Amino acid sequence: MKAYDHSEKAKHEQAKQQSLEAIEARLARHEKVTRITLVVVLILAGLALAVLATHLVDHPI
């Protein structure tokens, strides 16, 4: 009986470990996507600022 309980406990721990690994993998993917999105947004904001600066320099108020 005790061997059976130990086996079930080990299976439960292994399932929990696999679940945690899956969660960590998803989190890593989300972090990567978030970083890429942030870089793209910063590049677009920089380009927009450059266009605005160019427009203001070419057409003084």
PDB file of N, CA and C in Angstrom:
ATOM      1  N   MET A   1       0.824  -1.197   0.000  1.00  0.00           N
ATOM      2  CA  MET A   1       0.000   0.000   0.000  1.00  0.00           C
ATOM      3  C   MET A   1       0.862   1.252   0.000  1.00  0.00           C
ATOM      4  N   LYS A   2       1.924   1.250   0.810  1.00  0.00           N
ATOM      5  CA  LYS A   2       2.770   2.427   0.868  1.00  0.00           C
ATOM      6  C   LYS A   2       3.507   2.649  -0.447  1.00  0.00           C
ATOM      7  N   ALA A   3       3.925   1.577  -1.112  1.00  0.00           N
ATOM      8  CA  ALA A   3       4.600   1.707  -2.401  1.00  0.00           C
ATOM      9  C   ALA A   3       3.648   2.327  -3.419  1.00  0.00           C
ATOM     10  N   TYR A   4       2.389   1.936  -3.370  1.00  0.00           N
ATOM     11  CA  TYR A   4       1.390   2.487  -4.281  1.00  0.00           C
ATOM     12  C   TYR A   4       1.205   3.981  -4.019  1.00  0.00           C
ATOM     13  N   ASP A   5       1.124   4.355  -2.757  1.00  0.00           N
ATOM     14  CA  ASP A   5       0.960   5.758  -2.396  1.00  0.00           C
ATOM     15  C   ASP A   5       2.162   6.578  -2.868  1.00  0.00           C
ATOM     16  N   HIS A   6       3.335   5.993  -2.708  1.00  0.00           N
ATOM     17  CA  HIS A   6       4.551   6.694  -3.138  1.00  0.00           C
ATOM     18  C   HIS A   6       4.562   6.872  -4.656  1.00  0.00           C
ATOM     19  N   SER A   7       4.109   5.845  -5.358  1.00  0.00           N
ATOM     20  CA  SER A   7       4.055   5.899  -6.819  1.00  0.00           C
ATOM     21  C   SER A   7       3.067   6.979  -7.274  1.00  0.00           C
ATOM     22  N   GLU A   8       1.924   7.022  -6.651  1.00  0.00           N
ATOM     23  CA  GLU A   8       0.926   8.040  -7.001  1.00  0.00           C
ATOM     24  C   GLU A   8       1.445   9.445  -6.694  1.00  0.00           C
ATOM     25  N   LYS A   9       2.122   9.571  -5.583  1.00  0.00           N
ATOM     26  CA  LYS A   9       2.681  10.877  -5.209  1.00  0.00           C
ATOM     27  C   LYS A   9       3.743  11.303  -6.216  1.00  0.00           C
ATOM     28  N   ALA A  10       4.580  10.345  -6.646  1.00  0.00           N
ATOM     29  CA  ALA A  10       5.612  10.656  -7.633  1.00  0.00           C
ATOM     30  C   ALA A  10       4.984  11.069  -8.962  1.00  0.00           C
ATOM     31  N   LYS A  11       3.924  10.377  -9.364  1.00  0.00           N
ATOM     32  CA  LYS A  11       3.229  10.738 -10.609  1.00  0.00           C
ATOM     33  C   LYS A  11       2.625  12.137 -10.511  1.00  0.00           C
ATOM     34  N   HIS A  12       2.054  12.424  -9.345  1.00  0.00           N
ATOM     35  CA  HIS A  12       1.457  13.744  -9.141  1.00  0.00           C
ATOM     36  C   HIS A  12       2.530  14.841  -9.195  1.00  0.00           C
ATOM     37  N   GLU A  13       3.661  14.589  -8.547  1.00  0.00           N
ATOM     38  CA  GLU A  13       4.759  15.558  -8.572  1.00  0.00           C
ATOM     39  C   GLU A  13       5.294  15.749  -9.989  1.00  0.00           C
ATOM     40  N   GLN A  14       5.390  14.650 -10.746  1.00  0.00           N
ATOM     41  CA  GLN A  14       5.878  14.743 -12.123  1.00  0.00           C
ATOM     42  C   GLN A  14       4.893  15.545 -12.981  1.00  0.00           C
ATOM     43  N   ALA A  15       3.607  15.311 -12.803  1.00  0.00           N
ATOM     44  CA  ALA A  15       2.592  16.064 -13.546  1.00  0.00           C
ATOM     45  C   ALA A  15       2.653  17.539 -13.188  1.00  0.00           C
ATOM     46  N   LYS A  16       2.858  17.824 -11.902  1.00  0.00           N
ATOM     47  CA  LYS A  16       2.956  19.220 -11.471  1.00  0.00           C
ATOM     48  C   LYS A  16       4.195  19.880 -12.074  1.00  0.00           C
ATOM     49  N   GLN A  17       5.307  19.134 -12.116  1.00  0.00           N
ATOM     50  CA  GLN A  17       6.546  19.664 -12.687  1.00  0.00           C
ATOM     51  C   GLN A  17       6.369  19.949 -14.180  1.00  0.00           C
ATOM     52  N   GLN A  18       5.713  19.048 -14.900  1.00  0.00           N
ATOM     53  CA  GLN A  18       5.471  19.258 -16.328  1.00  0.00           C
ATOM     54  C   GLN A  18       4.564  20.462 -16.556  1.00  0.00           C
ATOM     55  N   SER A  19       3.587  20.631 -15.686  1.00  0.00           N
ATOM     56  CA  SER A  19       2.693  21.779 -15.792  1.00  0.00           C
ATOM     57  C   SER A  19       3.465  23.082 -15.581  1.00  0.00           C
ATOM     58  N   LEU A  20       4.348  23.092 -14.594  1.00  0.00           N
ATOM     59  CA  LEU A  20       5.150  24.287 -14.336  1.00  0.00           C
ATOM     60  C   LEU A  20       6.080  24.585 -15.506  1.00  0.00           C
ATOM     61  N   GLU A  21       6.655  23.540 -16.092  1.00  0.00           N
ATOM     62  CA  GLU A  21       7.537  23.737 -17.250  1.00  0.00           C
ATOM     63  C   GLU A  21       6.761  24.301 -18.429  1.00  0.00           C
ATOM     64  N   ALA A  22       5.535  23.828 -18.632  1.00  0.00           N
ATOM     65  CA  ALA A  22       4.699  24.350 -19.719  1.00  0.00           C
ATOM     66  C   ALA A  22       4.357  25.815 -19.479  1.00  0.00           C
ATOM     67  N   ILE A  23       4.059  26.160 -18.235  1.00  0.00           N
ATOM     68  CA  ILE A  23       3.747  27.551 -17.895  1.00  0.00           C
ATOM     69  C   ILE A  23       4.967  28.439 -18.127  1.00  0.00           C
ATOM     70  N   GLU A  24       6.139  27.957 -17.711  1.00  0.00           N
ATOM     71  CA  GLU A  24       7.370  28.735 -17.914  1.00  0.00           C
ATOM     72  C   GLU A  24       7.678  28.916 -19.397  1.00  0.00           C
ATOM     73  N   ALA A  25       7.430  27.895 -20.204  1.00  0.00           N
ATOM     74  CA  ALA A  25       7.667  28.001 -21.650  1.00  0.00           C
ATOM     75  C   ALA A  25       6.728  29.032 -22.272  1.00  0.00           C
ATOM     76  N   ARG A  26       5.457  29.012 -21.856  1.00  0.00           N
ATOM     77  CA  ARG A  26       4.507  30.008 -22.376  1.00  0.00           C
ATOM     78  C   ARG A  26       4.919  31.407 -21.961  1.00  0.00           C
ATOM     79  N   LEU A  27       5.345  31.565 -20.724  1.00  0.00           N
ATOM     80  CA  LEU A  27       5.783  32.871 -20.229  1.00  0.00           C
ATOM     81  C   LEU A  27       6.990  33.366 -21.024  1.00  0.00           C
ATOM     82  N   ALA A  28       7.927  32.481 -21.327  1.00  0.00           N
ATOM     83  CA  ALA A  28       9.104  32.865 -22.112  1.00  0.00           C
ATOM     84  C   ALA A  28       8.691  33.327 -23.505  1.00  0.00           C
ATOM     85  N   ARG A  29       7.735  32.625 -24.127  1.00  0.00           N
ATOM     86  CA  ARG A  29       7.255  33.047 -25.455  1.00  0.00           C
ATOM     87  C   ARG A  29       6.587  34.410 -25.375  1.00  0.00           C
ATOM     88  N   HIS A  30       5.767  34.623 -24.344  1.00  0.00           N
ATOM     89  CA  HIS A  30       5.096  35.914 -24.191  1.00  0.00           C
ATOM     90  C   HIS A  30       6.113  37.038 -23.966  1.00  0.00           C
ATOM     91  N   GLU A  31       7.153  36.762 -23.197  1.00  0.00           N
ATOM     92  CA  GLU A  31       8.188  37.776 -22.970  1.00  0.00           C
ATOM     93  C   GLU A  31       8.890  38.125 -24.278  1.00  0.00           C
ATOM     94  N   LYS A  32       9.167  37.121 -25.099  1.00  0.00           N
ATOM     95  CA  LYS A  32       9.833  37.362 -26.383  1.00  0.00           C
ATOM     96  C   LYS A  32       8.947  38.211 -27.289  1.00  0.00           C
ATOM     97  N   VAL A  33       7.676  37.852 -27.371  1.00  0.00           N
ATOM     98  CA  VAL A  33       6.741  38.622 -28.207  1.00  0.00           C
ATOM     99  C   VAL A  33       6.615  40.041 -27.688  1.00  0.00           C
ATOM    100  N   THR A  34       6.564  40.207 -26.380  1.00  0.00           N
ATOM    101  CA  THR A  34       6.442  41.537 -25.785  1.00  0.00           C
ATOM    102  C   THR A  34       7.664  42.392 -26.106  1.00  0.00           C
ATOM    103  N   ARG A  35       8.860  41.799 -26.019  1.00  0.00           N
ATOM    104  CA  ARG A  35      10.080  42.549 -26.339  1.00  0.00           C
ATOM    105  C   ARG A  35      10.101  42.969 -27.798  1.00  0.00           C
ATOM    106  N   ILE A  36       9.735  42.061 -28.692  1.00  0.00           N
ATOM    107  CA  ILE A  36       9.709  42.384 -30.122  1.00  0.00           C
ATOM    108  C   ILE A  36       8.703  43.497 -30.384  1.00  0.00           C
ATOM    109  N   THR A  37       7.531  43.396 -29.765  1.00  0.00           N
ATOM    110  CA  THR A  37       6.505  44.424 -29.938  1.00  0.00           C
ATOM    111  C   THR A  37       7.001  45.773 -29.428  1.00  0.00           C
ATOM    112  N   LEU A  38       7.657  45.786 -28.289  1.00  0.00           N
ATOM    113  CA  LEU A  38       8.192  47.026 -27.734  1.00  0.00           C
ATOM    114  C   LEU A  38       9.223  47.652 -28.669  1.00  0.00           C
ATOM    115  N   VAL A  39      10.114  46.845 -29.221  1.00  0.00           N
ATOM    116  CA  VAL A  39      11.125  47.364 -30.154  1.00  0.00           C
ATOM    117  C   VAL A  39      10.456  47.954 -31.393  1.00  0.00           C
ATOM    118  N   VAL A  40       9.460  47.265 -31.933  1.00  0.00           N
ATOM    119  CA  VAL A  40       8.760  47.772 -33.119  1.00  0.00           C
ATOM    120  C   VAL A  40       8.058  49.091 -32.804  1.00  0.00           C
ATOM    121  N   VAL A  41       7.401  49.171 -31.658  1.00  0.00           N
ATOM    122  CA  VAL A  41       6.705  50.404 -31.274  1.00  0.00           C
ATOM    123  C   VAL A  41       7.703  51.548 -31.093  1.00  0.00           C
ATOM    124  N   LEU A  42       8.841  51.268 -30.473  1.00  0.00           N
ATOM    125  CA  LEU A  42       9.853  52.312 -30.297  1.00  0.00           C
ATOM    126  C   LEU A  42      10.413  52.785 -31.641  1.00  0.00           C
ATOM    127  N   ILE A  43      10.630  51.864 -32.563  1.00  0.00           N
ATOM    128  CA  ILE A  43      11.113  52.243 -33.897  1.00  0.00           C
ATOM    129  C   ILE A  43      10.080  53.118 -34.600  1.00  0.00           C
ATOM    130  N   LEU A  44       8.818  52.719 -34.545  1.00  0.00           N
ATOM    131  CA  LEU A  44       7.762  53.511 -35.183  1.00  0.00           C
ATOM    132  C   LEU A  44       7.625  54.886 -34.537  1.00  0.00           C
ATOM    133  N   ALA A  45       7.754  54.952 -33.224  1.00  0.00           N
ATOM    134  CA  ALA A  45       7.685  56.245 -32.538  1.00  0.00           C
ATOM    135  C   ALA A  45       8.868  57.119 -32.943  1.00  0.00           C
ATOM    136  N   GLY A  46      10.040  56.531 -33.069  1.00  0.00           N
ATOM    137  CA  GLY A  46      11.211  57.283 -33.522  1.00  0.00           C
ATOM    138  C   GLY A  46      11.034  57.805 -34.934  1.00  0.00           C
ATOM    139  N   LEU A  47      10.494  56.964 -35.810  1.00  0.00           N
ATOM    140  CA  LEU A  47      10.237  57.414 -37.182  1.00  0.00           C
ATOM    141  C   LEU A  47       9.205  58.534 -37.224  1.00  0.00           C
ATOM    142  N   ALA A  48       8.160  58.402 -36.429  1.00  0.00           N
ATOM    143  CA  ALA A  48       7.141  59.454 -36.378  1.00  0.00           C
ATOM    144  C   ALA A  48       7.736  60.755 -35.862  1.00  0.00           C
ATOM    145  N   LEU A  49       8.591  60.676 -34.859  1.00  0.00           N
ATOM    146  CA  LEU A  49       9.245  61.868 -34.330  1.00  0.00           C
ATOM    147  C   LEU A  49      10.166  62.484 -35.375  1.00  0.00           C
ATOM    148  N   ALA A  50      10.868  61.657 -36.125  1.00  0.00           N
ATOM    149  CA  ALA A  50      11.754  62.162 -37.180  1.00  0.00           C
ATOM    150  C   ALA A  50      10.948  62.859 -38.276  1.00  0.00           C
ATOM    151  N   VAL A  51       9.830  62.268 -38.650  1.00  0.00           N
ATOM    152  CA  VAL A  51       8.975  62.896 -39.674  1.00  0.00           C
ATOM    153  C   VAL A  51       8.436  64.221 -39.162  1.00  0.00           C
ATOM    154  N   LEU A  52       8.007  64.268 -37.926  1.00  0.00           N
ATOM    155  CA  LEU A  52       7.493  65.511 -37.342  1.00  0.00           C
ATOM    156  C   LEU A  52       8.594  66.573 -37.292  1.00  0.00           C
ATOM    157  N   ALA A  53       9.779  66.200 -36.857  1.00  0.00           N
ATOM    158  CA  ALA A  53      10.890  67.153 -36.784  1.00  0.00           C
ATOM    159  C   ALA A  53      11.246  67.673 -38.177  1.00  0.00           C
ATOM    160  N   THR A  54      11.280  66.772 -39.146  1.00  0.00           N
ATOM    161  CA  THR A  54      11.578  67.188 -40.522  1.00  0.00           C
ATOM    162  C   THR A  54      10.513  68.152 -41.038  1.00  0.00           C
ATOM    163  N   HIS A  55       9.282  67.846 -40.754  1.00  0.00           N
ATOM    164  CA  HIS A  55       8.178  68.715 -41.199  1.00  0.00           C
ATOM    165  C   HIS A  55       8.262  70.078 -40.539  1.00  0.00           C
ATOM    166  N   LEU A  56       8.582  70.143 -39.266  1.00  0.00           N
ATOM    167  CA  LEU A  56       8.674  71.415 -38.566  1.00  0.00           C
ATOM    168  C   LEU A  56       9.871  72.235 -39.052  1.00  0.00           C
ATOM    169  N   VAL A  57      10.985  71.570 -39.383  1.00  0.00           N
ATOM    170  CA  VAL A  57      12.163  72.280 -39.868  1.00  0.00           C
ATOM    171  C   VAL A  57      11.898  72.829 -41.287  1.00  0.00           C
ATOM    172  N   ASP A  58      11.237  72.056 -42.120  1.00  0.00           N
ATOM    173  CA  ASP A  58      10.968  72.485 -43.502  1.00  0.00           C
ATOM    174  C   ASP A  58       9.882  73.541 -43.596  1.00  0.00           C
ATOM    175  N   HIS A  59       8.984  73.556 -42.643  1.00  0.00           N
ATOM    176  CA  HIS A  59       7.887  74.518 -42.676  1.00  0.00           C
ATOM    177  C   HIS A  59       7.814  75.269 -41.352  1.00  0.00           C
ATOM    178  N   PRO A  60       8.611  76.313 -41.216  1.00  0.00           N
ATOM    179  CA  PRO A  60       8.594  77.053 -39.951  1.00  0.00           C
ATOM    180  C   PRO A  60       7.225  77.723 -39.723  1.00  0.00           C
ATOM    181  N   ILE A  61       6.887  77.845 -38.465  1.00  0.00           N
ATOM    182  CA  ILE A  61       5.581  78.432 -38.104  1.00  0.00           C
ATOM    183  C   ILE A  61       5.612  79.937 -38.243  1.00  0.00           C
TER     184      ILE A  61
END
